[in-house]
């Protein structure tokens, strides 16, 4: 049991170190683009790639657990109910 816990800690520790290293690399590229005149396409690609990763939907929920989700095959009924006039 202790080996399994230690293994998980090692993996999450590596993930943290990797995240910090990639974050530092991104900041280096952004600062280099802002400060120096000789920054090139490498710095631009790193900065744009890091910014693009921030747009990923990382807070996803499984469809079965999502609030207000329509069951599979029920879209037609849901659209009809939505189009029906209220009142």
N, C-alpha and C. Protein backbone atom coordinates (compact mmCIF):
# COMPACT_ATOMS: atom_id res chain seq x y z
N UNK A 1 0.82 -1.19 0.00
CA UNK A 1 0.00 0.00 0.00
C UNK A 1 0.87 1.26 0.00
N UNK A 2 1.92 1.25 0.78
CA UNK A 2 2.79 2.42 0.86
C UNK A 2 3.48 2.68 -0.48
N UNK A 3 3.81 1.61 -1.20
CA UNK A 3 4.45 1.78 -2.50
C UNK A 3 3.51 2.42 -3.50
N UNK A 4 2.22 2.07 -3.43
CA UNK A 4 1.25 2.67 -4.34
C UNK A 4 1.09 4.16 -4.06
N UNK A 5 1.06 4.51 -2.78
CA UNK A 5 0.92 5.92 -2.42
C UNK A 5 2.17 6.70 -2.84
N UNK A 6 3.34 6.12 -2.60
CA UNK A 6 4.58 6.79 -2.98
C UNK A 6 4.65 6.95 -4.50
N UNK A 7 4.18 5.96 -5.25
CA UNK A 7 4.18 6.06 -6.70
C UNK A 7 3.29 7.17 -7.20
N UNK A 8 2.13 7.31 -6.60
CA UNK A 8 1.23 8.40 -7.00
C UNK A 8 1.82 9.76 -6.67
N UNK A 9 2.46 9.86 -5.51
CA UNK A 9 3.09 11.12 -5.14
C UNK A 9 4.20 11.50 -6.09
N UNK A 10 4.94 10.51 -6.54
CA UNK A 10 6.02 10.76 -7.48
C UNK A 10 5.47 11.27 -8.81
N UNK A 11 4.40 10.66 -9.28
CA UNK A 11 3.82 11.08 -10.55
C UNK A 11 3.25 12.49 -10.44
N UNK A 12 2.54 12.78 -9.35
CA UNK A 12 1.99 14.13 -9.22
C UNK A 12 3.11 15.14 -8.99
N UNK A 13 4.18 14.74 -8.31
CA UNK A 13 5.33 15.63 -8.14
C UNK A 13 6.00 15.95 -9.45
N UNK A 14 6.13 14.96 -10.32
CA UNK A 14 6.70 15.19 -11.65
C UNK A 14 5.79 16.10 -12.47
N UNK A 15 4.50 15.92 -12.33
CA UNK A 15 3.56 16.79 -13.04
C UNK A 15 3.68 18.24 -12.58
N UNK A 16 3.87 18.43 -11.28
CA UNK A 16 4.03 19.78 -10.75
C UNK A 16 5.32 20.41 -11.26
N UNK A 17 6.39 19.65 -11.24
CA UNK A 17 7.68 20.17 -11.72
C UNK A 17 7.59 20.49 -13.21
N UNK A 18 6.95 19.62 -13.97
CA UNK A 18 6.80 19.87 -15.40
C UNK A 18 5.95 21.12 -15.65
N UNK A 19 4.87 21.28 -14.89
CA UNK A 19 4.03 22.47 -15.04
C UNK A 19 4.80 23.74 -14.72
N UNK A 20 5.58 23.71 -13.66
CA UNK A 20 6.37 24.88 -13.31
C UNK A 20 7.43 25.19 -14.37
N UNK A 21 8.05 24.14 -14.91
CA UNK A 21 9.06 24.35 -15.95
C UNK A 21 8.44 24.93 -17.21
N UNK A 22 7.29 24.40 -17.61
CA UNK A 22 6.63 24.94 -18.81
C UNK A 22 6.12 26.36 -18.58
N UNK A 23 5.66 26.64 -17.37
CA UNK A 23 5.24 28.00 -17.03
C UNK A 23 6.40 28.98 -17.09
N UNK A 24 7.55 28.55 -16.56
CA UNK A 24 8.74 29.41 -16.62
C UNK A 24 9.19 29.63 -18.06
N UNK A 25 9.12 28.58 -18.87
CA UNK A 25 9.47 28.71 -20.29
C UNK A 25 8.53 29.69 -20.97
N UNK A 26 7.25 29.64 -20.68
CA UNK A 26 6.28 30.56 -21.29
C UNK A 26 6.57 32.00 -20.88
N UNK A 27 6.82 32.21 -19.58
CA UNK A 27 7.11 33.57 -19.12
C UNK A 27 8.40 34.10 -19.75
N UNK A 28 9.40 33.22 -19.89
CA UNK A 28 10.64 33.63 -20.54
C UNK A 28 10.35 34.13 -21.95
N UNK A 29 9.53 33.39 -22.68
CA UNK A 29 9.21 33.77 -24.07
C UNK A 29 8.45 35.09 -24.12
N UNK A 30 7.49 35.26 -23.23
CA UNK A 30 6.69 36.49 -23.23
C UNK A 30 7.54 37.70 -22.88
N UNK A 31 8.37 37.56 -21.84
CA UNK A 31 9.23 38.68 -21.45
C UNK A 31 10.24 38.99 -22.55
N UNK A 32 10.78 37.97 -23.17
CA UNK A 32 11.74 38.19 -24.26
C UNK A 32 11.07 38.89 -25.44
N UNK A 33 9.82 38.52 -25.74
CA UNK A 33 9.11 39.21 -26.82
C UNK A 33 8.85 40.68 -26.48
N UNK A 34 8.57 40.94 -25.21
CA UNK A 34 8.23 42.31 -24.81
C UNK A 34 9.46 43.20 -24.65
N UNK A 35 10.60 42.63 -24.29
CA UNK A 35 11.75 43.45 -23.92
C UNK A 35 12.80 43.57 -25.02
N UNK A 36 13.08 42.49 -25.72
CA UNK A 36 14.19 42.53 -26.68
C UNK A 36 13.68 42.73 -28.10
N UNK A 37 14.57 43.21 -28.93
CA UNK A 37 14.24 43.43 -30.33
C UNK A 37 14.60 42.23 -31.20
N UNK A 38 15.42 41.33 -30.66
CA UNK A 38 15.86 40.20 -31.47
C UNK A 38 15.10 38.91 -31.17
N UNK A 39 13.93 39.01 -30.55
CA UNK A 39 13.12 37.81 -30.30
C UNK A 39 12.59 37.31 -31.64
N UNK A 40 12.57 36.01 -31.78
CA UNK A 40 12.20 35.44 -33.07
C UNK A 40 10.94 34.61 -33.02
N UNK A 41 10.76 33.79 -34.04
CA UNK A 41 9.54 32.97 -34.13
C UNK A 41 9.45 31.90 -33.05
N UNK A 42 10.58 31.47 -32.50
CA UNK A 42 10.54 30.47 -31.42
C UNK A 42 9.83 31.04 -30.20
N UNK A 43 10.21 32.23 -29.80
CA UNK A 43 9.55 32.86 -28.66
C UNK A 43 8.07 33.12 -28.94
N UNK A 44 7.77 33.55 -30.15
CA UNK A 44 6.38 33.78 -30.51
C UNK A 44 5.55 32.51 -30.48
N UNK A 45 6.14 31.42 -30.96
CA UNK A 45 5.41 30.14 -30.96
C UNK A 45 5.18 29.64 -29.54
N UNK A 46 6.17 29.77 -28.68
CA UNK A 46 6.01 29.34 -27.29
C UNK A 46 4.95 30.19 -26.59
N UNK A 47 4.99 31.49 -26.80
CA UNK A 47 4.01 32.37 -26.15
C UNK A 47 2.60 32.11 -26.68
N UNK A 48 2.45 31.95 -27.97
CA UNK A 48 1.12 31.70 -28.55
C UNK A 48 0.61 30.32 -28.14
N UNK A 49 1.50 29.34 -28.10
CA UNK A 49 1.08 28.00 -27.69
C UNK A 49 0.63 27.94 -26.25
N UNK A 50 1.35 28.61 -25.37
CA UNK A 50 0.94 28.65 -23.96
C UNK A 50 -0.38 29.38 -23.78
N UNK A 51 -0.58 30.44 -24.54
CA UNK A 51 -1.85 31.16 -24.45
C UNK A 51 -2.98 30.29 -24.98
N UNK A 52 -2.72 29.56 -26.05
CA UNK A 52 -3.74 28.67 -26.62
C UNK A 52 -4.13 27.56 -25.66
N UNK A 53 -3.18 27.05 -24.90
CA UNK A 53 -3.50 26.01 -23.91
C UNK A 53 -4.42 26.53 -22.83
N UNK A 54 -4.37 27.83 -22.54
CA UNK A 54 -5.25 28.37 -21.51
C UNK A 54 -6.70 28.39 -21.97
N UNK A 55 -6.94 28.21 -23.24
CA UNK A 55 -8.31 28.21 -23.74
C UNK A 55 -8.96 26.83 -23.72
N UNK A 56 -8.21 25.79 -23.38
CA UNK A 56 -8.77 24.45 -23.34
C UNK A 56 -9.79 24.32 -22.21
N UNK A 57 -10.86 23.60 -22.46
CA UNK A 57 -11.86 23.40 -21.39
C UNK A 57 -11.39 22.33 -20.41
N UNK A 58 -10.74 22.74 -19.35
CA UNK A 58 -10.21 21.77 -18.41
C UNK A 58 -11.20 21.40 -17.31
N UNK A 59 -12.26 22.14 -17.19
CA UNK A 59 -13.26 21.85 -16.16
C UNK A 59 -14.44 21.15 -16.79
N UNK A 60 -14.23 19.95 -17.25
CA UNK A 60 -15.27 19.16 -17.91
C UNK A 60 -15.89 18.18 -16.93
N UNK A 61 -17.13 17.86 -17.17
CA UNK A 61 -17.86 16.89 -16.35
C UNK A 61 -18.40 15.83 -17.29
N UNK A 62 -18.43 14.60 -16.81
CA UNK A 62 -19.00 13.52 -17.61
C UNK A 62 -20.46 13.84 -17.93
N UNK A 63 -20.90 13.44 -19.11
CA UNK A 63 -22.25 13.78 -19.56
C UNK A 63 -23.31 13.28 -18.59
N UNK A 64 -23.08 12.13 -17.98
CA UNK A 64 -24.07 11.57 -17.06
C UNK A 64 -24.20 12.40 -15.79
N UNK A 65 -23.16 13.17 -15.43
CA UNK A 65 -23.19 13.96 -14.20
C UNK A 65 -23.47 15.43 -14.42
N UNK A 66 -23.54 15.88 -15.65
CA UNK A 66 -23.73 17.29 -15.94
C UNK A 66 -25.15 17.73 -15.62
N UNK A 67 -25.28 18.95 -15.11
CA UNK A 67 -26.59 19.48 -14.77
C UNK A 67 -27.31 19.92 -16.05
N UNK A 68 -28.56 19.54 -16.20
CA UNK A 68 -29.37 19.95 -17.33
C UNK A 68 -29.07 19.24 -18.62
N UNK A 69 -28.37 18.14 -18.57
CA UNK A 69 -28.02 17.42 -19.79
C UNK A 69 -29.24 16.70 -20.35
N UNK A 70 -29.33 16.66 -21.66
CA UNK A 70 -30.43 15.98 -22.33
C UNK A 70 -29.97 14.56 -22.64
N UNK A 71 -30.79 13.58 -22.32
CA UNK A 71 -30.43 12.18 -22.56
C UNK A 71 -30.21 11.94 -24.05
N UNK A 72 -29.42 10.92 -24.36
CA UNK A 72 -29.11 10.62 -25.74
C UNK A 72 -30.38 10.25 -26.50
N UNK A 73 -30.56 10.82 -27.69
CA UNK A 73 -31.73 10.55 -28.50
C UNK A 73 -32.93 11.42 -28.14
N UNK A 74 -32.78 12.37 -27.24
CA UNK A 74 -33.91 13.20 -26.81
C UNK A 74 -33.80 14.64 -27.27
N UNK A 75 -32.92 14.93 -28.21
CA UNK A 75 -32.74 16.31 -28.66
C UNK A 75 -33.98 16.86 -29.35
N UNK A 76 -34.65 16.05 -30.14
CA UNK A 76 -35.83 16.53 -30.86
C UNK A 76 -36.90 16.99 -29.89
N UNK A 77 -37.15 16.20 -28.85
CA UNK A 77 -38.14 16.58 -27.84
C UNK A 77 -37.72 17.85 -27.11
N UNK A 78 -36.45 17.94 -26.78
CA UNK A 78 -35.96 19.13 -26.07
C UNK A 78 -36.12 20.38 -26.92
N UNK A 79 -35.84 20.30 -28.23
CA UNK A 79 -35.99 21.46 -29.10
C UNK A 79 -37.46 21.84 -29.27
N UNK A 80 -38.32 20.86 -29.36
CA UNK A 80 -39.75 21.17 -29.48
C UNK A 80 -40.27 21.88 -28.24
N UNK A 81 -39.85 21.44 -27.08
CA UNK A 81 -40.27 22.08 -25.84
C UNK A 81 -39.73 23.51 -25.76
N UNK A 82 -38.52 23.70 -26.23
CA UNK A 82 -37.91 25.03 -26.18
C UNK A 82 -38.60 25.99 -27.16
N UNK A 83 -39.11 25.48 -28.29
CA UNK A 83 -39.74 26.33 -29.30
C UNK A 83 -41.17 26.65 -28.96
N UNK A 84 -41.78 25.87 -28.08
CA UNK A 84 -43.18 26.08 -27.72
C UNK A 84 -43.33 27.45 -27.04
N UNK A 85 -44.30 28.25 -27.46
CA UNK A 85 -44.48 29.56 -26.83
C UNK A 85 -44.92 29.41 -25.37
N UNK A 86 -44.39 30.27 -24.54
CA UNK A 86 -44.74 30.24 -23.12
C UNK A 86 -45.90 31.17 -22.86
N UNK A 87 -46.70 30.77 -21.90
CA UNK A 87 -47.75 31.70 -21.51
C UNK A 87 -49.08 31.14 -21.47
